[in-house]
Amino acid sequence: QRRLLDVIAARVERDSLREADRDRDAAARGLPKPYYVGSKQVG
């Protein structure tokens, strides 16, 4: 899909850039990185 459809490739690139921007903004704000625990219970 990415190789054959230009619109899909452009959308993926745009989403990737947005995600990178969000990561940089979160790092600048000093927020903790998410840690996924699956279906476990935290104690």
Full PDB file with SEQRES, HELIX, SHEET, SSBOND, CRYST1, ORIGX, SCALE, CONECT and MASTER records, all heavy atoms in Angstrom:
SEQRES   1 A   43  GLN ARG ARG LEU LEU ASP VAL ILE ALA ALA ARG VAL GLU          
SEQRES   2 A   43  ARG ASP SER LEU ARG GLU ALA ASP ARG ASP ARG ASP ALA          
SEQRES   3 A   43  ALA ALA ARG GLY LEU PRO LYS PRO TYR TYR VAL GLY SER          
SEQRES   4 A   43  LYS GLN VAL GLY                                              
HELIX    1 AA1 ASP A    6  ARG A   29  1                                  24    
CRYST1    1.000    1.000    1.000  90.00  90.00  90.00 P 1           1          
ORIGX1      1.000000  0.000000  0.000000        0.00000                         
ORIGX2      0.000000  1.000000  0.000000        0.00000                         
ORIGX3      0.000000  0.000000  1.000000        0.00000                         
SCALE1      1.000000  0.000000  0.000000        0.00000                         
SCALE2      0.000000  1.000000  0.000000        0.00000                         
SCALE3      0.000000  0.000000  1.000000        0.00000                         
ATOM      1  N   GLN A   1       0.825  -1.205   0.000  1.00  0.00           N  
ATOM      2  CA  GLN A   1       0.000   0.000   0.000  1.00  0.00           C  
ATOM      3  C   GLN A   1       0.863   1.260   0.000  1.00  0.00           C  
ATOM      4  O   GLN A   1       0.575   2.236  -0.699  1.00  0.00           O  
ATOM      5  CB  GLN A   1      -0.922  -0.009   1.231  1.00  0.00           C  
ATOM      6  CG  GLN A   1      -2.012  -1.063   1.189  1.00  0.00           C  
ATOM      7  CD  GLN A   1      -3.070  -0.768   0.135  1.00  0.00           C  
ATOM      8  OE1 GLN A   1      -2.978  -1.232  -1.003  1.00  0.00           O  
ATOM      9  NE2 GLN A   1      -4.059   0.032   0.509  1.00  0.00           N  
ATOM     10  N   ARG A   2       1.928   1.232   0.759  1.00  0.00           N  
ATOM     11  CA  ARG A   2       2.783   2.413   0.840  1.00  0.00           C  
ATOM     12  C   ARG A   2       3.538   2.653  -0.467  1.00  0.00           C  
ATOM     13  O   ARG A   2       3.746   3.798  -0.862  1.00  0.00           O  
ATOM     14  CB  ARG A   2       3.783   2.255   1.992  1.00  0.00           C  
ATOM     15  CG  ARG A   2       3.131   2.304   3.371  1.00  0.00           C  
ATOM     16  CD  ARG A   2       4.153   2.082   4.462  1.00  0.00           C  
ATOM     17  NE  ARG A   2       3.545   2.156   5.785  1.00  0.00           N  
ATOM     18  CZ  ARG A   2       4.193   1.926   6.923  1.00  0.00           C  
ATOM     19  NH1 ARG A   2       5.484   1.603   6.888  1.00  0.00           N  
ATOM     20  NH2 ARG A   2       3.560   2.016   8.071  1.00  0.00           N  
ATOM     21  N   ARG A   3       3.955   1.564  -1.114  1.00  0.00           N  
ATOM     22  CA  ARG A   3       4.745   1.718  -2.341  1.00  0.00           C  
ATOM     23  C   ARG A   3       3.880   2.057  -3.533  1.00  0.00           C  
ATOM     24  O   ARG A   3       4.311   2.780  -4.433  1.00  0.00           O  
ATOM     25  CB  ARG A   3       5.537   0.432  -2.611  1.00  0.00           C  
ATOM     26  CG  ARG A   3       6.683   0.230  -1.633  1.00  0.00           C  
ATOM     27  CD  ARG A   3       7.659  -0.858  -2.071  1.00  0.00           C  
ATOM     28  NE  ARG A   3       7.030  -2.173  -2.150  1.00  0.00           N  
ATOM     29  CZ  ARG A   3       6.753  -2.797  -3.289  1.00  0.00           C  
ATOM     30  NH1 ARG A   3       7.001  -2.220  -4.452  1.00  0.00           N  
ATOM     31  NH2 ARG A   3       6.205  -4.000  -3.257  1.00  0.00           N  
ATOM     32  N   LEU A   4       2.660   1.571  -3.592  1.00  0.00           N  
ATOM     33  CA  LEU A   4       1.832   1.746  -4.769  1.00  0.00           C  
ATOM     34  C   LEU A   4       0.935   2.975  -4.705  1.00  0.00           C  
ATOM     35  O   LEU A   4       0.541   3.516  -5.742  1.00  0.00           O  
ATOM     36  CB  LEU A   4       0.961   0.492  -4.977  1.00  0.00           C  
ATOM     37  CG  LEU A   4       1.735  -0.811  -5.222  1.00  0.00           C  
ATOM     38  CD1 LEU A   4       0.771  -1.979  -5.397  1.00  0.00           C  
ATOM     39  CD2 LEU A   4       2.616  -0.686  -6.478  1.00  0.00           C  
ATOM     40  N   LEU A   5       0.570   3.416  -3.489  1.00  0.00           N  
ATOM     41  CA  LEU A   5      -0.352   4.540  -3.365  1.00  0.00           C  
ATOM     42  C   LEU A   5       0.370   5.727  -2.731  1.00  0.00           C  
ATOM     43  O   LEU A   5       0.806   5.680  -1.590  1.00  0.00           O  
ATOM     44  CB  LEU A   5      -1.555   4.142  -2.487  1.00  0.00           C  
ATOM     45  CG  LEU A   5      -2.409   2.977  -3.030  1.00  0.00           C  
ATOM     46  CD1 LEU A   5      -3.514   2.642  -2.051  1.00  0.00           C  
ATOM     47  CD2 LEU A   5      -2.997   3.326  -4.390  1.00  0.00           C  
ATOM     48  N   ASP A   6       0.514   6.792  -3.528  1.00  0.00           N  
ATOM     49  CA  ASP A   6       1.222   7.966  -3.035  1.00  0.00           C  
ATOM     50  C   ASP A   6       0.508   8.605  -1.846  1.00  0.00           C  
ATOM     51  O   ASP A   6       1.152   9.116  -0.932  1.00  0.00           O  
ATOM     52  CB  ASP A   6       1.365   9.009  -4.164  1.00  0.00           C  
ATOM     53  CG  ASP A   6       2.286   8.515  -5.269  1.00  0.00           C  
ATOM     54  OD1 ASP A   6       3.095   7.603  -4.986  1.00  0.00           O  
ATOM     55  OD2 ASP A   6       2.189   9.020  -6.401  1.00  0.00           O  
ATOM     56  N   VAL A   7      -0.829   8.585  -1.876  1.00  0.00           N  
ATOM     57  CA  VAL A   7      -1.566   9.212  -0.787  1.00  0.00           C  
ATOM     58  C   VAL A   7      -1.324   8.491   0.542  1.00  0.00           C  
ATOM     59  O   VAL A   7      -1.219   9.121   1.602  1.00  0.00           O  
ATOM     60  CB  VAL A   7      -3.078   9.237  -1.113  1.00  0.00           C  
ATOM     61  CG1 VAL A   7      -3.648   7.832  -1.221  1.00  0.00           C  
ATOM     62  CG2 VAL A   7      -3.839  10.033  -0.051  1.00  0.00           C  
ATOM     63  N   ILE A   8      -1.188   7.163   0.496  1.00  0.00           N  
ATOM     64  CA  ILE A   8      -0.889   6.402   1.702  1.00  0.00           C  
ATOM     65  C   ILE A   8       0.520   6.721   2.189  1.00  0.00           C  
ATOM     66  O   ILE A   8       0.755   6.923   3.387  1.00  0.00           O  
ATOM     67  CB  ILE A   8      -1.036   4.896   1.446  1.00  0.00           C  
ATOM     68  CG1 ILE A   8      -2.488   4.550   1.093  1.00  0.00           C  
ATOM     69  CG2 ILE A   8      -0.578   4.101   2.667  1.00  0.00           C  
ATOM     70  CD1 ILE A   8      -3.462   4.808   2.212  1.00  0.00           C  
ATOM     71  N   ALA A   9       1.472   6.782   1.281  1.00  0.00           N  
ATOM     72  CA  ALA A   9       2.848   7.094   1.650  1.00  0.00           C  
ATOM     73  C   ALA A   9       2.937   8.478   2.287  1.00  0.00           C  
ATOM     74  O   ALA A   9       3.638   8.675   3.292  1.00  0.00           O  
ATOM     75  CB  ALA A   9       3.755   7.004   0.426  1.00  0.00           C  
ATOM     76  N   ALA A  10       2.210   9.442   1.705  1.00  0.00           N  
ATOM     77  CA  ALA A  10       2.238  10.796   2.261  1.00  0.00           C  
ATOM     78  C   ALA A  10       1.590  10.837   3.639  1.00  0.00           C  
ATOM     79  O   ALA A  10       2.062  11.533   4.550  1.00  0.00           O  
ATOM     80  CB  ALA A  10       1.513  11.752   1.306  1.00  0.00           C  
ATOM     81  N   ARG A  11       0.522  10.080   3.813  1.00  0.00           N  
ATOM     82  CA  ARG A  11      -0.153  10.053   5.111  1.00  0.00           C  
ATOM     83  C   ARG A  11       0.737   9.427   6.172  1.00  0.00           C  
ATOM     84  O   ARG A  11       0.810   9.914   7.311  1.00  0.00           O  
ATOM     85  CB  ARG A  11      -1.457   9.269   4.990  1.00  0.00           C  
ATOM     86  CG  ARG A  11      -2.292   9.248   6.255  1.00  0.00           C  
ATOM     87  CD  ARG A  11      -3.511   8.370   6.062  1.00  0.00           C  
ATOM     88  NE  ARG A  11      -4.302   8.785   4.908  1.00  0.00           N  
ATOM     89  CZ  ARG A  11      -5.267   8.033   4.374  1.00  0.00           C  
ATOM     90  NH1 ARG A  11      -5.522   6.834   4.880  1.00  0.00           N  
ATOM     91  NH2 ARG A  11      -5.943   8.478   3.323  1.00  0.00           N  
ATOM     92  N   VAL A  12       1.445   8.335   5.814  1.00  0.00           N  
ATOM     93  CA  VAL A  12       2.343   7.683   6.764  1.00  0.00           C  
ATOM     94  C   VAL A  12       3.464   8.625   7.175  1.00  0.00           C  
ATOM     95  O   VAL A  12       3.824   8.728   8.359  1.00  0.00           O  
ATOM     96  CB  VAL A  12       2.914   6.394   6.143  1.00  0.00           C  
ATOM     97  CG1 VAL A  12       4.046   5.832   7.012  1.00  0.00           C  
ATOM     98  CG2 VAL A  12       1.822   5.352   5.982  1.00  0.00           C  
ATOM     99  N   GLU A  13       4.013   9.347   6.206  1.00  0.00           N  
ATOM    100  CA  GLU A  13       5.089  10.284   6.520  1.00  0.00           C  
ATOM    101  C   GLU A  13       4.591  11.410   7.419  1.00  0.00           C  
ATOM    102  O   GLU A  13       5.270  11.818   8.374  1.00  0.00           O  
ATOM    103  CB  GLU A  13       5.670  10.861   5.229  1.00  0.00           C  
ATOM    104  CG  GLU A  13       6.830  11.809   5.464  1.00  0.00           C  
ATOM    105  CD  GLU A  13       7.395  12.351   4.168  1.00  0.00           C  
ATOM    106  OE1 GLU A  13       6.834  12.048   3.091  1.00  0.00           O  
ATOM    107  OE2 GLU A  13       8.393  13.095   4.233  1.00  0.00           O  
ATOM    108  N   ARG A  14       3.392  11.909   7.122  1.00  0.00           N  
ATOM    109  CA  ARG A  14       2.836  12.982   7.926  1.00  0.00           C  
ATOM    110  C   ARG A  14       2.577  12.514   9.369  1.00  0.00           C  
ATOM    111  O   ARG A  14       2.898  13.211  10.336  1.00  0.00           O  
ATOM    112  CB  ARG A  14       1.534  13.481   7.297  1.00  0.00           C  
ATOM    113  CG  ARG A  14       0.918  14.665   8.040  1.00  0.00           C  
ATOM    114  CD  ARG A  14      -0.275  15.234   7.284  1.00  0.00           C  
ATOM    115  NE  ARG A  14      -1.366  14.272   7.183  1.00  0.00           N  
ATOM    116  CZ  ARG A  14      -1.717  13.655   6.045  1.00  0.00           C  
ATOM    117  NH1 ARG A  14      -1.059  13.895   4.909  1.00  0.00           N  
ATOM    118  NH2 ARG A  14      -2.717  12.778   6.028  1.00  0.00           N  
ATOM    119  N   ASP A  15       2.012  11.306   9.506  1.00  0.00           N  
ATOM    120  CA  ASP A  15       1.760  10.773  10.836  1.00  0.00           C  
ATOM    121  C   ASP A  15       3.062  10.533  11.594  1.00  0.00           C  
ATOM    122  O   ASP A  15       3.142  10.748  12.812  1.00  0.00           O  
ATOM    123  CB  ASP A  15       0.963   9.471  10.739  1.00  0.00           C  
ATOM    124  CG  ASP A  15      -0.453   9.696  10.228  1.00  0.00           C  
ATOM    125  OD1 ASP A  15      -0.904  10.857  10.275  1.00  0.00           O  
ATOM    126  OD2 ASP A  15      -1.085   8.715   9.802  1.00  0.00           O  
ATOM    127  N   SER A  16       4.078  10.082  10.875  1.00  0.00           N  
ATOM    128  CA  SER A  16       5.369   9.844  11.512  1.00  0.00           C  
ATOM    129  C   SER A  16       5.976  11.137  12.030  1.00  0.00           C  
ATOM    130  O   SER A  16       6.528  11.193  13.141  1.00  0.00           O  
ATOM    131  CB  SER A  16       6.318   9.161  10.533  1.00  0.00           C  
ATOM    132  OG  SER A  16       7.588   8.951  11.122  1.00  0.00           O  
ATOM    133  N   LEU A  17       5.868  12.194  11.235  1.00  0.00           N  
ATOM    134  CA  LEU A  17       6.392  13.488  11.664  1.00  0.00           C  
ATOM    135  C   LEU A  17       5.619  14.026  12.858  1.00  0.00           C  
ATOM    136  O   LEU A  17       6.198  14.592  13.794  1.00  0.00           O  
ATOM    137  CB  LEU A  17       6.339  14.481  10.501  1.00  0.00           C  
ATOM    138  CG  LEU A  17       7.274  14.179   9.326  1.00  0.00           C  
ATOM    139  CD1 LEU A  17       7.035  15.169   8.189  1.00  0.00           C  
ATOM    140  CD2 LEU A  17       8.730  14.222   9.785  1.00  0.00           C  
ATOM    141  N   ARG A  18       4.297  13.853  12.847  1.00  0.00           N  
ATOM    142  CA  ARG A  18       3.490  14.304  13.979  1.00  0.00           C  
ATOM    143  C   ARG A  18       3.853  13.549  15.257  1.00  0.00           C  
ATOM    144  O   ARG A  18       3.940  14.133  16.336  1.00  0.00           O  
ATOM    145  CB  ARG A  18       2.006  14.125  13.666  1.00  0.00           C  
ATOM    146  CG  ARG A  18       1.456  15.099  12.629  1.00  0.00           C  
ATOM    147  CD  ARG A  18       0.007  14.796  12.339  1.00  0.00           C  
ATOM    148  NE  ARG A  18      -0.561  15.767  11.405  1.00  0.00           N  
ATOM    149  CZ  ARG A  18      -1.779  15.672  10.878  1.00  0.00           C  
ATOM    150  NH1 ARG A  18      -2.561  14.640  11.216  1.00  0.00           N  
ATOM    151  NH2 ARG A  18      -2.223  16.583  10.029  1.00  0.00           N  
ATOM    152  N   GLU A  19       4.057  12.240  15.122  1.00  0.00           N  
ATOM    153  CA  GLU A  19       4.421  11.449  16.286  1.00  0.00           C  
ATOM    154  C   GLU A  19       5.773  11.873  16.837  1.00  0.00           C  
ATOM    155  O   GLU A  19       5.962  11.957  18.060  1.00  0.00           O  
ATOM    156  CB  GLU A  19       4.442   9.961  15.924  1.00  0.00           C  
ATOM    157  CG  GLU A  19       4.730   9.049  17.102  1.00  0.00           C  
ATOM    158  CD  GLU A  19       4.666   7.579  16.720  1.00  0.00           C  
ATOM    159  OE1 GLU A  19       4.344   7.274  15.558  1.00  0.00           O  
ATOM    160  OE2 GLU A  19       4.938   6.746  17.598  1.00  0.00           O  
ATOM    161  N   ALA A  20       6.702  12.177  15.933  1.00  0.00           N  
ATOM    162  CA  ALA A  20       8.015  12.653  16.382  1.00  0.00           C  
ATOM    163  C   ALA A  20       7.885  13.988  17.102  1.00  0.00           C  
ATOM    164  O   ALA A  20       8.559  14.239  18.109  1.00  0.00           O  
ATOM    165  CB  ALA A  20       8.964  12.760  15.197  1.00  0.00           C  
ATOM    166  N   ASP A  21       7.009  14.852  16.578  1.00  0.00           N  
ATOM    167  CA  ASP A  21       6.790  16.144  17.245  1.00  0.00           C  
ATOM    168  C   ASP A  21       6.187  15.958  18.635  1.00  0.00           C  
ATOM    169  O   ASP A  21       6.576  16.641  19.594  1.00  0.00           O  
ATOM    170  CB  ASP A  21       5.869  17.027  16.396  1.00  0.00           C  
ATOM    171  CG  ASP A  21       6.560  17.546  15.138  1.00  0.00           C  
ATOM    172  OD1 ASP A  21       7.811  17.554  15.130  1.00  0.00           O  
ATOM    173  OD2 ASP A  21       5.861  17.921  14.186  1.00  0.00           O  
ATOM    174  N   ARG A  22       5.238  15.025  18.758  1.00  0.00           N  
ATOM    175  CA  ARG A  22       4.629  14.773  20.055  1.00  0.00           C  
ATOM    176  C   ARG A  22       5.657  14.238  21.051  1.00  0.00           C  
ATOM    177  O   ARG A  22       5.649  14.611  22.225  1.00  0.00           O  
ATOM    178  CB  ARG A  22       3.450  13.797  19.909  1.00  0.00           C  
ATOM    179  CG  ARG A  22       2.214  14.399  19.266  1.00  0.00           C  
ATOM    180  CD  ARG A  22       1.008  13.495  19.476  1.00  0.00           C  
ATOM    181  NE  ARG A  22       1.192  12.203  18.835  1.00  0.00           N  
ATOM    182  CZ  ARG A  22       0.784  11.919  17.595  1.00  0.00           C  
ATOM    183  NH1 ARG A  22       0.169  12.853  16.869  1.00  0.00           N  
ATOM    184  NH2 ARG A  22       0.975  10.717  17.084  1.00  0.00           N  
ATOM    185  N   ASP A  23       6.535  13.361  20.573  1.00  0.00           N  
ATOM    186  CA  ASP A  23       7.574  12.817  21.453  1.00  0.00           C  
ATOM    187  C   ASP A  23       8.518  13.916  21.922  1.00  0.00           C  
ATOM    188  O   ASP A  23       8.915  13.951  23.096  1.00  0.00           O  
ATOM    189  CB  ASP A  23       8.358  11.724  20.728  1.00  0.00           C  
ATOM    190  CG  ASP A  23       7.520  10.475  20.464  1.00  0.00           C  
ATOM    191  OD1 ASP A  23       6.479  10.319  21.153  1.00  0.00           O  
ATOM    192  OD2 ASP A  23       7.877   9.679  19.586  1.00  0.00           O  
ATOM    193  N   ARG A  24       8.884  14.813  21.018  1.00  0.00           N  
ATOM    194  CA  ARG A  24       9.777  15.911  21.412  1.00  0.00           C  
ATOM    195  C   ARG A  24       9.088  16.853  22.402  1.00  0.00           C  
ATOM    196  O   ARG A  24       9.704  17.322  23.362  1.00  0.00           O  
ATOM    197  CB  ARG A  24      10.239  16.672  20.170  1.00  0.00           C  
ATOM    198  CG  ARG A  24      11.318  15.959  19.360  1.00  0.00           C  
ATOM    199  CD  ARG A  24      11.922  16.893  18.339  1.00  0.00           C  
ATOM    200  NE  ARG A  24      10.946  17.292  17.321  1.00  0.00           N  
ATOM    201  CZ  ARG A  24      10.772  16.636  16.180  1.00  0.00           C  
ATOM    202  NH1 ARG A  24      11.492  15.555  15.910  1.00  0.00           N  
ATOM    203  NH2 ARG A  24       9.869  17.054  15.299  1.00  0.00           N  
ATOM    204  N   ASP A  25       7.803  17.128  22.167  1.00  0.00           N  
ATOM    205  CA  ASP A  25       7.068  18.004  23.085  1.00  0.00           C  
ATOM    206  C   ASP A  25       6.945  17.377  24.470  1.00  0.00           C  
ATOM    207  O   ASP A  25       7.090  18.060  25.488  1.00  0.00           O  
ATOM    208  CB  ASP A  25       5.679  18.307  22.527  1.00  0.00           C  
ATOM    209  CG  ASP A  25       5.727  19.191  21.294  1.00  0.00           C  
ATOM    210  OD1 ASP A  25       6.771  19.841  21.082  1.00  0.00           O  
ATOM    211  OD2 ASP A  25       4.733  19.221  20.538  1.00  0.00           O  
ATOM    212  N   ALA A  26       6.670  16.054  24.502  1.00  0.00           N  
ATOM    213  CA  ALA A  26       6.557  15.370  25.785  1.00  0.00           C  
ATOM    214  C   ALA A  26       7.886  15.381  26.527  1.00  0.00           C  
ATOM    215  O   ALA A  26       7.929  15.573  27.750  1.00  0.00           O  
ATOM    216  CB  ALA A  26       6.074  13.938  25.576  1.00  0.00           C  
ATOM    217  N   ALA A  27       8.978  15.179  25.776  1.00  0.00           N  
ATOM    218  CA  ALA A  27      10.300  15.209  26.417  1.00  0.00           C  
ATOM    219  C   ALA A  27      10.613  16.595  26.952  1.00  0.00           C  
ATOM    220  O   ALA A  27      11.208  16.741  28.027  1.00  0.00           O  
ATOM    221  CB  ALA A  27      11.362  14.752  25.421  1.00  0.00           C  
ATOM    222  N   ALA A  28      10.219  17.638  26.195  1.00  0.00           N  
ATOM    223  CA  ALA A  28      10.469  19.011  26.637  1.00  0.00           C  
ATOM    224  C   ALA A  28       9.659  19.347  27.879  1.00  0.00           C  
ATOM    225  O   ALA A  28      10.094  20.139  28.726  1.00  0.00           O  
ATOM    226  CB  ALA A  28      10.148  19.988  25.511  1.00  0.00           C  
ATOM    227  N   ARG A  29       8.467  18.766  28.014  1.00  0.00           N  
ATOM    228  CA  ARG A  29       7.628  19.026  29.187  1.00  0.00           C  
ATOM    229  C   ARG A  29       8.065  18.223  30.402  1.00  0.00           C  
ATOM    230  O   ARG A  29       7.572  18.436  31.501  1.00  0.00           O  
ATOM    231  CB  ARG A  29       6.174  18.693  28.856  1.00  0.00           C  
ATOM    232  CG  ARG A  29       5.544  19.587  27.800  1.00  0.00           C  
ATOM    233  CD  ARG A  29       4.178  19.065  27.387  1.00  0.00           C  
ATOM    234  NE  ARG A  29       3.279  18.936  28.524  1.00  0.00           N  
ATOM    235  CZ  ARG A  29       2.143  18.236  28.495  1.00  0.00           C  
ATOM    236  NH1 ARG A  29       1.796  17.579  27.391  1.00  0.00           N  
ATOM    237  NH2 ARG A  29       1.369  18.188  29.561  1.00  0.00           N  
ATOM    238  N   GLY A  30       8.992  17.286  30.208  1.00  0.00           N  
ATOM    239  CA  GLY A  30       9.474  16.479  31.316  1.00  0.00           C  
ATOM    240  C   GLY A  30       8.526  15.389  31.747  1.00  0.00           C  
ATOM    241  O   GLY A  30       8.573  14.948  32.898  1.00  0.00           O  
ATOM    242  N   LEU A  31       7.635  14.957  30.863  1.00  0.00           N  
ATOM    243  CA  LEU A  31       6.682  13.906  31.211  1.00  0.00           C  
ATOM    244  C   LEU A  31       7.364  12.537  31.184  1.00  0.00           C  
ATOM    245  O   LEU A  31       8.277  12.303  30.394  1.00  0.00           O  
ATOM    246  CB  LEU A  31       5.501  13.925  30.232  1.00  0.00           C  
ATOM    247  CG  LEU A  31       4.636  15.190  30.239  1.00  0.00           C  
ATOM    248  CD1 LEU A  31       3.541  15.076  29.197  1.00  0.00           C  
ATOM    249  CD2 LEU A  31       4.038  15.419  31.622  1.00  0.00           C  
ATOM    250  N   PRO A  32       6.920  11.619  32.030  1.00  0.00           N  
ATOM    251  CA  PRO A  32       7.532  10.281  32.044  1.00  0.00           C  
ATOM    252  C   PRO A  32       7.141   9.488  30.805  1.00  0.00           C  
ATOM    253  O   PRO A  32       6.073   9.692  30.220  1.00  0.00           O  
ATOM    254  CB  PRO A  32       6.959   9.648  33.310  1.00  0.00           C  
ATOM    255  CG  PRO A  32       5.642  10.331  33.499  1.00  0.00           C  
ATOM    256  CD  PRO A  32       5.844  11.747  33.031  1.00  0.00           C  
ATOM    257  N   LYS A  33       8.017   8.581  30.409  1.00  0.00           N  
ATOM    258  CA  LYS A  33       7.728   7.712  29.268  1.00  0.00           C  
ATOM    259  C   LYS A  33       6.707   6.650  29.684  1.00  0.00           C  
ATOM    260  O   LYS A  33       6.756   6.139  30.802  1.00  0.00           O  
ATOM    261  CB  LYS A  33       9.004   7.040  28.779  1.00  0.00           C  
ATOM    262  CG  LYS A  33      10.023   7.992  28.184  1.00  0.00           C  
ATOM    263  CD  LYS A  33      11.224   7.236  27.662  1.00  0.00           C  
ATOM    264  CE  LYS A  33      12.235   8.191  27.029  1.00  0.00           C  
ATOM    265  NZ  LYS A  33      13.426   7.471  26.516  1.00  0.00           N  
ATOM    266  N   PRO A  34       5.776   6.323  28.803  1.00  0.00           N  
ATOM    267  CA  PRO A  34       4.784   5.284  29.157  1.00  0.00           C  
ATOM    268  C   PRO A  34       5.429   3.910  29.271  1.00  0.00           C  
ATOM    269  O   PRO A  34       6.371   3.584  28.541  1.00  0.00           O  
ATOM    270  CB  PRO A  34       3.786   5.349  27.997  1.00  0.00           C  
ATOM    271  CG  PRO A  34       4.518   5.991  26.880  1.00  0.00           C  
ATOM    272  CD  PRO A  34       5.521   6.910  27.477  1.00  0.00           C  
ATOM    273  N   TYR A  35       4.941   3.146  30.206  1.00  0.00           N  
ATOM    274  CA  TYR A  35       5.397   1.778  30.404  1.00  0.00           C  
ATOM    275  C   TYR A  35       4.164   0.889  30.389  1.00  0.00           C  
ATOM    276  O   TYR A  35       3.253   1.074  31.193  1.00  0.00           O  
ATOM    277  CB  TYR A  35       6.137   1.635  31.735  1.00  0.00           C  
ATOM    278  CG  TYR A  35       6.734   0.265  31.977  1.00  0.00           C  
ATOM    279  CD1 TYR A  35       8.031  -0.030  31.589  1.00  0.00           C  
ATOM    280  CD2 TYR A  35       5.975  -0.744  32.586  1.00  0.00           C  
ATOM    281  CE1 TYR A  35       8.570  -1.288  31.810  1.00  0.00           C  
ATOM    282  CE2 TYR A  35       6.507  -2.001  32.801  1.00  0.00           C  
ATOM    283  CZ  TYR A  35       7.803  -2.263  32.412  1.00  0.00           C  
ATOM    284  OH  TYR A  35       8.332  -3.516  32.620  1.00  0.00           O  
ATOM    285  N   TYR A  36       4.124  -0.067  29.468  1.00  0.00           N  
ATOM    286  CA  TYR A  36       2.949  -0.908  29.280  1.00  0.00           C  
ATOM    287  C   TYR A  36       3.091  -2.195  30.107  1.00  0.00           C  
ATOM    288  O   TYR A  36       4.112  -2.880  30.039  1.00  0.00           O  
ATOM    289  CB  TYR A  36       2.758  -1.240  27.806  1.00  0.00           C  
ATOM    290  CG  TYR A  36       2.408  -0.013  26.979  1.00  0.00           C  
ATOM    291  CD1 TYR A  36       3.405   0.784  26.430  1.00  0.00           C  
ATOM    292  CD2 TYR A  36       1.085   0.351  26.778  1.00  0.00           C  
ATOM    293  CE1 TYR A  36       3.083   1.918  25.683  1.00  0.00           C  
ATOM    294  CE2 TYR A  36       0.751   1.480  26.042  1.00  0.00           C  
ATOM    295  CZ  TYR A  36       1.759   2.255  25.492  1.00  0.00           C  
ATOM    296  OH  TYR A  36       1.432   3.384  24.781  1.00  0.00           O  
ATOM    297  N   VAL A  37       2.054  -2.497  30.874  1.00  0.00           N  
ATOM    298  CA  VAL A  37       2.098  -3.654  31.776  1.00  0.00           C  
ATOM    299  C   VAL A  37       1.269  -4.815  31.258  1.00  0.00           C  
ATOM    300  O   VAL A  37       1.128  -5.831  31.953  1.00  0.00           O  
ATOM    301  CB  VAL A  37       1.608  -3.246  33.184  1.00  0.00           C  
ATOM    302  CG1 VAL A  37       2.486  -2.150  33.757  1.00  0.00           C  
ATOM    303  CG2 VAL A  37       0.147  -2.789  33.145  1.00  0.00           C  
ATOM    304  N   GLY A  38       0.711  -4.688  30.047  1.00  0.00           N  
ATOM    305  CA  GLY A  38      -0.105  -5.764  29.498  1.00  0.00           C  
ATOM    306  C   GLY A  38      -1.383  -5.934  30.303  1.00  0.00           C  
ATOM    307  O   GLY A  38      -2.077  -4.975  30.608  1.00  0.00           O  
ATOM    308  N   SER A  39      -1.666  -7.176  30.680  1.00  0.00           N  
ATOM    309  CA  SER A  39      -2.867  -7.462  31.480  1.00  0.00           C  
ATOM    310  C   SER A  39      -2.526  -7.697  32.945  1.00  0.00           C  
ATOM    311  O   SER A  39      -3.362  -8.175  33.706  1.00  0.00           O  
ATOM    312  CB  SER A  39      -3.576  -8.704  30.922  1.00  0.00           C  
ATOM    313  OG  SER A  39      -2.707  -9.829  30.944  1.00  0.00           O  
ATOM    314  N   LYS A  40      -1.304  -7.360  33.339  1.00  0.00           N  
ATOM    315  CA  LYS A  40      -0.866  -7.592  34.715  1.00  0.00           C  
ATOM    316  C   LYS A  40      -1.473  -6.566  35.667  1.00  0.00           C  
ATOM    317  O   LYS A  40      -1.916  -5.493  35.269  1.00  0.00           O  
ATOM    318  CB  LYS A  40       0.660  -7.514  34.800  1.00  0.00           C  
ATOM    319  CG  LYS A  40       1.394  -8.506  33.910  1.00  0.00           C  
ATOM    320  CD  LYS A  40       1.269  -9.921  34.420  1.00  0.00           C  
ATOM    321  CE  LYS A  40       2.131 -10.880  33.623  1.00  0.00           C  
ATOM    322  NZ  LYS A  40       2.074 -12.261  34.136  1.00  0.00           N  
ATOM    323  N   GLN A  41      -1.445  -6.900  36.932  1.00  0.00           N  
ATOM    324  CA  GLN A  41      -1.917  -6.016  37.991  1.00  0.00           C  
ATOM    325  C   GLN A  41      -0.720  -5.412  38.702  1.00  0.00           C  
ATOM    326  O   GLN A  41       0.204  -6.103  39.107  1.00  0.00           O  
ATOM    327  CB  GLN A  41      -2.784  -6.785  38.986  1.00  0.00           C  
ATOM    328  CG  GLN A  41      -3.412  -5.913  40.060  1.00  0.00           C  
ATOM    329  CD  GLN A  41      -4.397  -6.682  40.920  1.00  0.00           C  
ATOM    330  OE1 GLN A  41      -4.561  -7.885  40.749  1.00  0.00           O  
ATOM    331  NE2 GLN A  41      -5.055  -6.011  41.839  1.00  0.00           N  
ATOM    332  N   VAL A  42      -0.745  -4.077  38.866  1.00  0.00           N  
ATOM    333  CA  VAL A  42       0.371  -3.357  39.469  1.00  0.00           C  
ATOM    334  C   VAL A  42       0.227  -3.374  40.993  1.00  0.00           C  
ATOM    335  O   VAL A  42      -0.861  -3.152  41.534  1.00  0.00           O  
ATOM    336  CB  VAL A  42       0.426  -1.905  38.962  1.00  0.00           C  
ATOM    337  CG1 VAL A  42       1.568  -1.138  39.632  1.00  0.00           C  
ATOM    338  CG2 VAL A  42       0.599  -1.886  37.446  1.00  0.00           C  
ATOM    339  N   GLY A  43       1.333  -3.606  41.681  1.00  0.00           N  
ATOM    340  CA  GLY A  43       1.333  -3.591  43.139  1.00  0.00           C  
ATOM    341  C   GLY A  43       2.636  -3.052  43.673  1.00  0.00           C  
ATOM    342  O   GLY A  43       3.641  -2.962  42.961  1.00  0.00           O  
TER     343      GLY A  43                                                      
MASTER        0    0    0    1    0    0    0    6  342    1    0    4          
END                                                                             
